[in-house]
Amino acid sequence: DFRAKLAGYGITQDKPDDVLWNFEKFLISKDGRVVGRFAPDTTPDDAILADAIARELVAANPDLIHAIATPTAQAVMRTGSPIALIFSSVTDPVRAGLVPANSAPGQKTGTHVTGLSDLWPVRLQFETYARAVPQAKTWGTIYNPQESNSVSHIQIMRETAKGLGLTLLEVTVNRSSEVGAAAASLVGKVQAITITSDNTTVANLEALVEVCSQHKIALFAGDID
């Protein structure tokens, strides 16, 4: 509970509904109502926030919900709502639990969920990066193992690295605030870093770029965004 967390810092409320200015984050409905209150360290990629937004969308009872990226689509699924769900920017919808295992591209899923996959050509990308910096024999990557899209990418990266005779060092994070420290842990160990479509890492890409710039480590990302 975020109030208990704030109390640990000596920040308390006189009344249950009192607002602790500058120490809370709010989720506001389209009609201006406060529908969620969160701890100050809640980040945009936090599953707690995604779940709250998903519940609010479902409560509005729309005809259809469009979810962009794996974590947000999974948040809508966790509500258990039968509202039609269309996803996009999802790497592996089967692994993410969005569609049945027997779902085939271009075919009906048999459920209220369908969408588009954006699986990167991970193998081709890694091979291209390796040619760009042939002196890099040890590569690093950062990802959140709770993101099924990232796990799918990492598996291909491991296989590709092995085939190229390269070493791949993996560092995992659970929150975007951990990305800077994860990048710092690779300094002196790798000559290059490549990242997947990991939403957690991308949410704090600035921290990764700063470390790589400071220590002259080649950094590759597979998405122009």
C-alpha atoms as a PDB file:
ATOM      1  CA  ASP A   1       0.000   0.000   0.000  1.00  0.00           C
ATOM      2  CA  PHE A   2       1.486   3.349  -1.029  1.00  0.00           C
ATOM      3  CA  ARG A   3       0.196   5.128   2.104  1.00  0.00           C
ATOM      4  CA  ALA A   4       2.141   2.708   4.274  1.00  0.00           C
ATOM      5  CA  LYS A   5       5.207   3.326   2.122  1.00  0.00           C
ATOM      6  CA  LEU A   6       4.877   7.085   2.547  1.00  0.00           C
ATOM      7  CA  ALA A   7       4.360   6.654   6.285  1.00  0.00           C
ATOM      8  CA  GLY A   8       7.757   4.979   6.366  1.00  0.00           C
ATOM      9  CA  TYR A   9       9.189   8.322   5.262  1.00  0.00           C
ATOM     10  CA  GLY A  10       7.243  10.183   7.927  1.00  0.00           C
ATOM     11  CA  ILE A  11       4.631  11.394   5.440  1.00  0.00           C
ATOM     12  CA  THR A  12       1.135  10.836   6.810  1.00  0.00           C
ATOM     13  CA  GLN A  13      -2.445  11.970   6.206  1.00  0.00           C
ATOM     14  CA  ASP A  14      -4.682  13.656   8.769  1.00  0.00           C
ATOM     15  CA  LYS A  15      -7.725  12.285   6.933  1.00  0.00           C
ATOM     16  CA  PRO A  16      -7.950   9.242   4.611  1.00  0.00           C
ATOM     17  CA  ASP A  17      -8.843  11.372   1.603  1.00  0.00           C
ATOM     18  CA  ASP A  18      -6.209  14.057   2.177  1.00  0.00           C
ATOM     19  CA  VAL A  19      -3.949  14.612  -0.826  1.00  0.00           C
ATOM     20  CA  LEU A  20      -0.237  14.457  -0.116  1.00  0.00           C
ATOM     21  CA  TRP A  21       0.851  17.113  -2.590  1.00  0.00           C
ATOM     22  CA  ASN A  22       3.888  16.209  -4.679  1.00  0.00           C
ATOM     23  CA  PHE A  23       3.893  12.737  -3.196  1.00  0.00           C
ATOM     24  CA  GLU A  24       1.086  11.062  -5.128  1.00  0.00           C
ATOM     25  CA  LYS A  25       0.180  10.225  -8.701  1.00  0.00           C
ATOM     26  CA  PHE A  26      -3.374  10.053  -9.942  1.00  0.00           C
ATOM     27  CA  LEU A  27      -5.317   8.339 -12.679  1.00  0.00           C
ATOM     28  CA  ILE A  28      -8.087  10.652 -13.862  1.00  0.00           C
ATOM     29  CA  SER A  29     -11.142   9.552 -15.845  1.00  0.00           C
ATOM     30  CA  LYS A  30     -12.278  11.419 -18.957  1.00  0.00           C
ATOM     31  CA  ASP A  31     -14.915  13.195 -16.872  1.00  0.00           C
ATOM     32  CA  GLY A  32     -12.368  14.406 -14.328  1.00  0.00           C
ATOM     33  CA  ARG A  33     -12.882  11.859 -11.558  1.00  0.00           C
ATOM     34  CA  VAL A  34      -9.962  10.435  -9.576  1.00  0.00           C
ATOM     35  CA  VAL A  35     -10.119   6.699 -10.241  1.00  0.00           C
ATOM     36  CA  GLY A  36      -6.678   5.708  -8.981  1.00  0.00           C
ATOM     37  CA  ARG A  37      -4.010   6.909  -6.554  1.00  0.00           C
ATOM     38  CA  PHE A  38      -0.435   5.656  -6.709  1.00  0.00           C
ATOM     39  CA  ALA A  39       2.879   5.910  -4.931  1.00  0.00           C
ATOM     40  CA  PRO A  40       5.248   8.617  -6.206  1.00  0.00           C
ATOM     41  CA  ASP A  41       7.704   6.040  -7.547  1.00  0.00           C
ATOM     42  CA  THR A  42       5.091   4.395  -9.789  1.00  0.00           C
ATOM     43  CA  THR A  43       6.483   4.457 -13.327  1.00  0.00           C
ATOM     44  CA  PRO A  44       4.514   4.481 -16.614  1.00  0.00           C
ATOM     45  CA  ASP A  45       5.547   0.878 -17.285  1.00  0.00           C
ATOM     46  CA  ASP A  46       4.329  -0.395 -13.892  1.00  0.00           C
ATOM     47  CA  ALA A  47       1.824  -3.246 -14.203  1.00  0.00           C
ATOM     48  CA  ILE A  48      -0.221  -1.746 -11.358  1.00  0.00           C
ATOM     49  CA  LEU A  49      -0.851   1.363 -13.442  1.00  0.00           C
ATOM     50  CA  ALA A  50      -1.562  -0.641 -16.604  1.00  0.00           C
ATOM     51  CA  ASP A  51      -4.111  -2.740 -14.724  1.00  0.00           C
ATOM     52  CA  ALA A  52      -5.837   0.353 -13.339  1.00  0.00           C
ATOM     53  CA  ILE A  53      -6.111   1.906 -16.803  1.00  0.00           C
ATOM     54  CA  ALA A  54      -7.412  -1.368 -18.251  1.00  0.00           C
ATOM     55  CA  ARG A  55     -10.090  -1.645 -15.572  1.00  0.00           C
ATOM     56  CA  GLU A  56     -11.204   1.932 -16.255  1.00  0.00           C
ATOM     57  CA  LEU A  57     -11.449   1.261 -19.983  1.00  0.00           C
ATOM     58  CA  VAL A  58     -13.489  -1.882 -19.413  1.00  0.00           C
ATOM     59  CA  ALA A  59     -15.781  -0.054 -16.980  1.00  0.00           C
ATOM     60  CA  ALA A  60     -16.617   2.409 -19.761  1.00  0.00           C
ATOM     61  CA  ASN A  61     -18.012  -0.580 -21.716  1.00  0.00           C
ATOM     62  CA  PRO A  62     -16.784   0.376 -25.197  1.00  0.00           C
ATOM     63  CA  ASP A  63     -17.509  -1.748 -28.247  1.00  0.00           C
ATOM     64  CA  LEU A  64     -13.796  -2.400 -28.759  1.00  0.00           C
ATOM     65  CA  ILE A  65     -10.471  -1.819 -27.004  1.00  0.00           C
ATOM     66  CA  HIS A  66      -7.218  -1.292 -28.894  1.00  0.00           C
ATOM     67  CA  ALA A  67      -4.121  -2.090 -26.833  1.00  0.00           C
ATOM     68  CA  ILE A  68      -0.661  -1.091 -28.035  1.00  0.00           C
ATOM     69  CA  ALA A  69       2.251  -3.319 -26.885  1.00  0.00           C
ATOM     70  CA  THR A  70       2.315  -6.574 -24.986  1.00  0.00           C
ATOM     71  CA  PRO A  71       2.044  -5.320 -21.354  1.00  0.00           C
ATOM     72  CA  THR A  72      -1.029  -3.184 -22.045  1.00  0.00           C
ATOM     73  CA  ALA A  73      -2.768  -5.943 -24.002  1.00  0.00           C
ATOM     74  CA  GLN A  74      -2.080  -8.378 -21.161  1.00  0.00           C
ATOM     75  CA  ALA A  75      -3.497  -5.862 -18.678  1.00  0.00           C
ATOM     76  CA  VAL A  76      -6.779  -5.779 -20.605  1.00  0.00           C
ATOM     77  CA  MET A  77      -6.820  -9.579 -20.702  1.00  0.00           C
ATOM     78  CA  ARG A  78      -6.385  -9.729 -16.924  1.00  0.00           C
ATOM     79  CA  THR A  79      -9.698  -7.921 -16.457  1.00  0.00           C
ATOM     80  CA  GLY A  80     -11.464 -10.967 -17.874  1.00  0.00           C
ATOM     81  CA  SER A  81     -13.666  -8.735 -19.997  1.00  0.00           C
ATOM     82  CA  PRO A  82     -15.340 -10.198 -23.112  1.00  0.00           C
ATOM     83  CA  ILE A  83     -15.085  -6.828 -24.909  1.00  0.00           C
ATOM     84  CA  ALA A  84     -13.446  -7.187 -28.316  1.00  0.00           C
ATOM     85  CA  LEU A  85      -9.701  -6.581 -28.010  1.00  0.00           C
ATOM     86  CA  ILE A  86      -7.405  -5.691 -30.893  1.00  0.00           C
ATOM     87  CA  PHE A  87      -3.695  -5.549 -30.132  1.00  0.00           C
ATOM     88  CA  SER A  88      -0.771  -4.132 -32.082  1.00  0.00           C
ATOM     89  CA  SER A  89       3.002  -3.962 -31.550  1.00  0.00           C
ATOM     90  CA  VAL A  90       2.962  -7.385 -29.879  1.00  0.00           C
ATOM     91  CA  THR A  91       5.961  -9.602 -30.621  1.00  0.00           C
ATOM     92  CA  ASP A  92       4.590 -13.028 -29.725  1.00  0.00           C
ATOM     93  CA  PRO A  93       0.835 -13.018 -29.007  1.00  0.00           C
ATOM     94  CA  VAL A  94       0.802 -16.763 -28.307  1.00  0.00           C
ATOM     95  CA  ARG A  95       3.580 -16.626 -25.701  1.00  0.00           C
ATOM     96  CA  ALA A  96       1.916 -13.521 -24.239  1.00  0.00           C
ATOM     97  CA  GLY A  97      -1.262 -15.509 -23.674  1.00  0.00           C
ATOM     98  CA  LEU A  98      -3.357 -13.265 -25.895  1.00  0.00           C
ATOM     99  CA  VAL A  99      -4.440 -15.861 -28.448  1.00  0.00           C
ATOM    100  CA  PRO A 100      -4.631 -19.689 -28.479  1.00  0.00           C
ATOM    101  CA  ALA A 101      -1.503 -21.700 -29.271  1.00  0.00           C
ATOM    102  CA  ASN A 102      -3.043 -23.008 -32.486  1.00  0.00           C
ATOM    103  CA  SER A 103      -3.688 -19.505 -33.841  1.00  0.00           C
ATOM    104  CA  ALA A 104      -2.186 -19.020 -37.279  1.00  0.00           C
ATOM    105  CA  PRO A 105      -1.416 -15.751 -39.077  1.00  0.00           C
ATOM    106  CA  GLY A 106      -4.354 -14.665 -41.214  1.00  0.00           C
ATOM    107  CA  GLN A 107      -6.758 -17.055 -39.499  1.00  0.00           C
ATOM    108  CA  LYS A 108      -9.496 -16.429 -36.943  1.00  0.00           C
ATOM    109  CA  THR A 109      -8.407 -16.899 -33.333  1.00  0.00           C
ATOM    110  CA  GLY A 110     -11.792 -18.218 -32.230  1.00  0.00           C
ATOM    111  CA  THR A 111     -11.853 -15.722 -29.352  1.00  0.00           C
ATOM    112  CA  HIS A 112     -12.710 -12.051 -28.844  1.00  0.00           C
ATOM    113  CA  VAL A 113      -9.028 -11.163 -29.293  1.00  0.00           C
ATOM    114  CA  THR A 114      -7.041 -10.552 -32.480  1.00  0.00           C
ATOM    115  CA  GLY A 115      -4.356  -8.188 -33.719  1.00  0.00           C
ATOM    116  CA  LEU A 116      -0.998  -7.667 -35.366  1.00  0.00           C
ATOM    117  CA  SER A 117       2.424  -9.047 -34.459  1.00  0.00           C
ATOM    118  CA  ASP A 118       5.550  -6.953 -35.002  1.00  0.00           C
ATOM    119  CA  LEU A 119       8.239  -9.601 -34.509  1.00  0.00           C
ATOM    120  CA  TRP A 120      11.576  -8.062 -35.444  1.00  0.00           C
ATOM    121  CA  PRO A 121      14.054  -9.837 -37.751  1.00  0.00           C
ATOM    122  CA  VAL A 122      16.216 -10.326 -34.665  1.00  0.00           C
ATOM    123  CA  ARG A 123      18.713 -12.708 -36.241  1.00  0.00           C
ATOM    124  CA  LEU A 124      19.315 -10.470 -39.261  1.00  0.00           C
ATOM    125  CA  GLN A 125      19.633  -7.400 -37.041  1.00  0.00           C
ATOM    126  CA  PHE A 126      22.216  -9.014 -34.748  1.00  0.00           C
ATOM    127  CA  GLU A 127      24.228 -10.290 -37.704  1.00  0.00           C
ATOM    128  CA  THR A 128      24.210  -6.771 -39.188  1.00  0.00           C
ATOM    129  CA  TYR A 129      25.308  -5.178 -35.914  1.00  0.00           C
ATOM    130  CA  ALA A 130      28.150  -7.697 -35.583  1.00  0.00           C
ATOM    131  CA  ARG A 131      29.446  -6.782 -39.037  1.00  0.00           C
ATOM    132  CA  ALA A 132      29.351  -3.098 -38.097  1.00  0.00           C
ATOM    133  CA  VAL A 133      31.660  -3.615 -35.096  1.00  0.00           C
ATOM    134  CA  PRO A 134      33.682  -6.773 -35.842  1.00  0.00           C
ATOM    135  CA  GLN A 135      36.001  -6.032 -32.925  1.00  0.00           C
ATOM    136  CA  ALA A 136      33.128  -6.532 -30.463  1.00  0.00           C
ATOM    137  CA  LYS A 137      33.302 -10.118 -29.260  1.00  0.00           C
ATOM    138  CA  THR A 138      31.317  -9.722 -26.056  1.00  0.00           C
ATOM    139  CA  TRP A 139      27.868  -8.161 -26.271  1.00  0.00           C
ATOM    140  CA  GLY A 140      25.463  -7.106 -23.574  1.00  0.00           C
ATOM    141  CA  THR A 141      21.694  -6.819 -23.456  1.00  0.00           C
ATOM    142  CA  ILE A 142      19.167  -5.623 -20.876  1.00  0.00           C
ATOM    143  CA  TYR A 143      15.587  -6.835 -20.612  1.00  0.00           C
ATOM    144  CA  ASN A 144      12.673  -7.552 -18.301  1.00  0.00           C
ATOM    145  CA  PRO A 145      12.114 -11.339 -18.063  1.00  0.00           C
ATOM    146  CA  GLN A 146       8.461 -10.681 -17.227  1.00  0.00           C
ATOM    147  CA  GLU A 147       7.907  -9.369 -20.754  1.00  0.00           C
ATOM    148  CA  SER A 148       7.141 -12.319 -23.013  1.00  0.00           C
ATOM    149  CA  ASN A 149       8.054 -10.290 -26.085  1.00  0.00           C
ATOM    150  CA  SER A 150      11.554  -9.768 -24.717  1.00  0.00           C
ATOM    151  CA  VAL A 151      11.978 -13.436 -23.826  1.00  0.00           C
ATOM    152  CA  SER A 152      11.150 -14.388 -27.409  1.00  0.00           C
ATOM    153  CA  HIS A 153      13.747 -11.949 -28.727  1.00  0.00           C
ATOM    154  CA  ILE A 154      16.402 -13.011 -26.249  1.00  0.00           C
ATOM    155  CA  GLN A 155      16.108 -16.657 -27.253  1.00  0.00           C
ATOM    156  CA  ILE A 156      16.857 -15.750 -30.870  1.00  0.00           C
ATOM    157  CA  MET A 157      19.694 -13.454 -29.802  1.00  0.00           C
ATOM    158  CA  ARG A 158      21.305 -16.268 -27.803  1.00  0.00           C
ATOM    159  CA  GLU A 159      21.176 -18.624 -30.767  1.00  0.00           C
ATOM    160  CA  THR A 160      22.533 -15.964 -33.130  1.00  0.00           C
ATOM    161  CA  ALA A 161      25.375 -15.006 -30.800  1.00  0.00           C
ATOM    162  CA  LYS A 162      26.392 -18.637 -30.477  1.00  0.00           C
ATOM    163  CA  GLY A 163      26.342 -19.086 -34.248  1.00  0.00           C
ATOM    164  CA  LEU A 164      28.534 -16.006 -34.695  1.00  0.00           C
ATOM    165  CA  GLY A 165      30.999 -17.108 -32.029  1.00  0.00           C
ATOM    166  CA  LEU A 166      30.064 -14.173 -29.796  1.00  0.00           C
ATOM    167  CA  THR A 167      29.425 -13.997 -26.065  1.00  0.00           C
ATOM    168  CA  LEU A 168      26.118 -12.479 -24.932  1.00  0.00           C
ATOM    169  CA  LEU A 169      25.899 -11.141 -21.380  1.00  0.00           C
ATOM    170  CA  GLU A 170      22.327 -10.693 -20.149  1.00  0.00           C
ATOM    171  CA  VAL A 171      21.226  -8.344 -17.380  1.00  0.00           C
ATOM    172  CA  THR A 172      17.610  -8.361 -16.249  1.00  0.00           C
ATOM    173  CA  VAL A 173      15.556  -5.545 -14.753  1.00  0.00           C
ATOM    174  CA  ASN A 174      12.097  -5.378 -13.238  1.00  0.00           C
ATOM    175  CA  ARG A 175      11.567  -1.617 -13.441  1.00  0.00           C
ATOM    176  CA  SER A 176      12.728   1.097 -15.811  1.00  0.00           C
ATOM    177  CA  SER A 177      14.452   2.839 -12.907  1.00  0.00           C
ATOM    178  CA  GLU A 178      16.933  -0.081 -12.814  1.00  0.00           C
ATOM    179  CA  VAL A 179      18.152   0.369 -16.393  1.00  0.00           C
ATOM    180  CA  GLY A 180      20.981   2.782 -15.550  1.00  0.00           C
ATOM    181  CA  ALA A 181      22.461   0.449 -12.949  1.00  0.00           C
ATOM    182  CA  ALA A 182      22.064  -2.516 -15.296  1.00  0.00           C
ATOM    183  CA  ALA A 183      23.969  -0.676 -18.010  1.00  0.00           C
ATOM    184  CA  ALA A 184      26.689   0.325 -15.560  1.00  0.00           C
ATOM    185  CA  SER A 185      27.140  -3.328 -14.577  1.00  0.00           C
ATOM    186  CA  LEU A 186      28.144  -4.108 -18.169  1.00  0.00           C
ATOM    187  CA  VAL A 187      30.888  -1.472 -18.311  1.00  0.00           C
ATOM    188  CA  GLY A 188      34.295  -3.090 -18.751  1.00  0.00           C
ATOM    189  CA  LYS A 189      32.695  -6.414 -19.669  1.00  0.00           C
ATOM    190  CA  VAL A 190      31.236  -5.742 -23.125  1.00  0.00           C
ATOM    191  CA  GLN A 191      32.263  -3.895 -26.267  1.00  0.00           C
ATOM    192  CA  ALA A 192      28.709  -3.405 -27.528  1.00  0.00           C
ATOM    193  CA  ILE A 193      25.116  -3.493 -26.272  1.00  0.00           C
ATOM    194  CA  THR A 194      21.961  -4.335 -28.193  1.00  0.00           C
ATOM    195  CA  ILE A 195      18.419  -4.109 -26.870  1.00  0.00           C
ATOM    196  CA  THR A 196      15.202  -5.840 -27.836  1.00  0.00           C
ATOM    197  CA  SER A 197      11.706  -4.406 -28.021  1.00  0.00           C
ATOM    198  CA  ASP A 198      11.729  -4.475 -24.222  1.00  0.00           C
ATOM    199  CA  ASN A 199       9.248  -1.879 -22.992  1.00  0.00           C
ATOM    200  CA  THR A 200      10.870  -1.613 -19.565  1.00  0.00           C
ATOM    201  CA  THR A 201      14.319  -0.822 -20.953  1.00  0.00           C
ATOM    202  CA  VAL A 202      13.042   1.531 -23.631  1.00  0.00           C
ATOM    203  CA  ALA A 203      11.096   3.481 -20.981  1.00  0.00           C
ATOM    204  CA  ASN A 204      14.444   4.632 -19.600  1.00  0.00           C
ATOM    205  CA  LEU A 205      16.562   4.526 -22.726  1.00  0.00           C
ATOM    206  CA  GLU A 206      18.198   7.829 -21.757  1.00  0.00           C
ATOM    207  CA  ALA A 207      19.974   6.151 -18.844  1.00  0.00           C
ATOM    208  CA  LEU A 208      21.361   3.454 -21.139  1.00  0.00           C
ATOM    209  CA  VAL A 209      22.472   5.978 -23.747  1.00  0.00           C
ATOM    210  CA  GLU A 210      24.250   8.026 -21.087  1.00  0.00           C
ATOM    211  CA  VAL A 211      26.287   5.047 -19.859  1.00  0.00           C
ATOM    212  CA  CYS A 212      27.195   3.956 -23.378  1.00  0.00           C
ATOM    213  CA  SER A 213      28.187   7.487 -24.381  1.00  0.00           C
ATOM    214  CA  GLN A 214      30.315   7.986 -21.296  1.00  0.00           C
ATOM    215  CA  HIS A 215      32.182   4.704 -21.708  1.00  0.00           C
ATOM    216  CA  LYS A 216      32.318   4.579 -25.534  1.00  0.00           C
ATOM    217  CA  ILE A 217      30.246   1.407 -25.797  1.00  0.00           C
ATOM    218  CA  ALA A 218      28.531   0.784 -29.124  1.00  0.00           C
ATOM    219  CA  LEU A 219      24.737   0.725 -28.684  1.00  0.00           C
ATOM    220  CA  PHE A 220      22.272  -0.800 -31.139  1.00  0.00           C
ATOM    221  CA  ALA A 221      18.471  -0.677 -31.081  1.00  0.00           C
ATOM    222  CA  GLY A 222      16.220  -2.347 -33.613  1.00  0.00           C
ATOM    223  CA  ASP A 223      13.475   0.274 -33.665  1.00  0.00           C
ATOM    224  CA  ILE A 224      13.745   3.876 -34.845  1.00  0.00           C
ATOM    225  CA  ASP A 225      11.313   4.940 -32.108  1.00  0.00           C
END
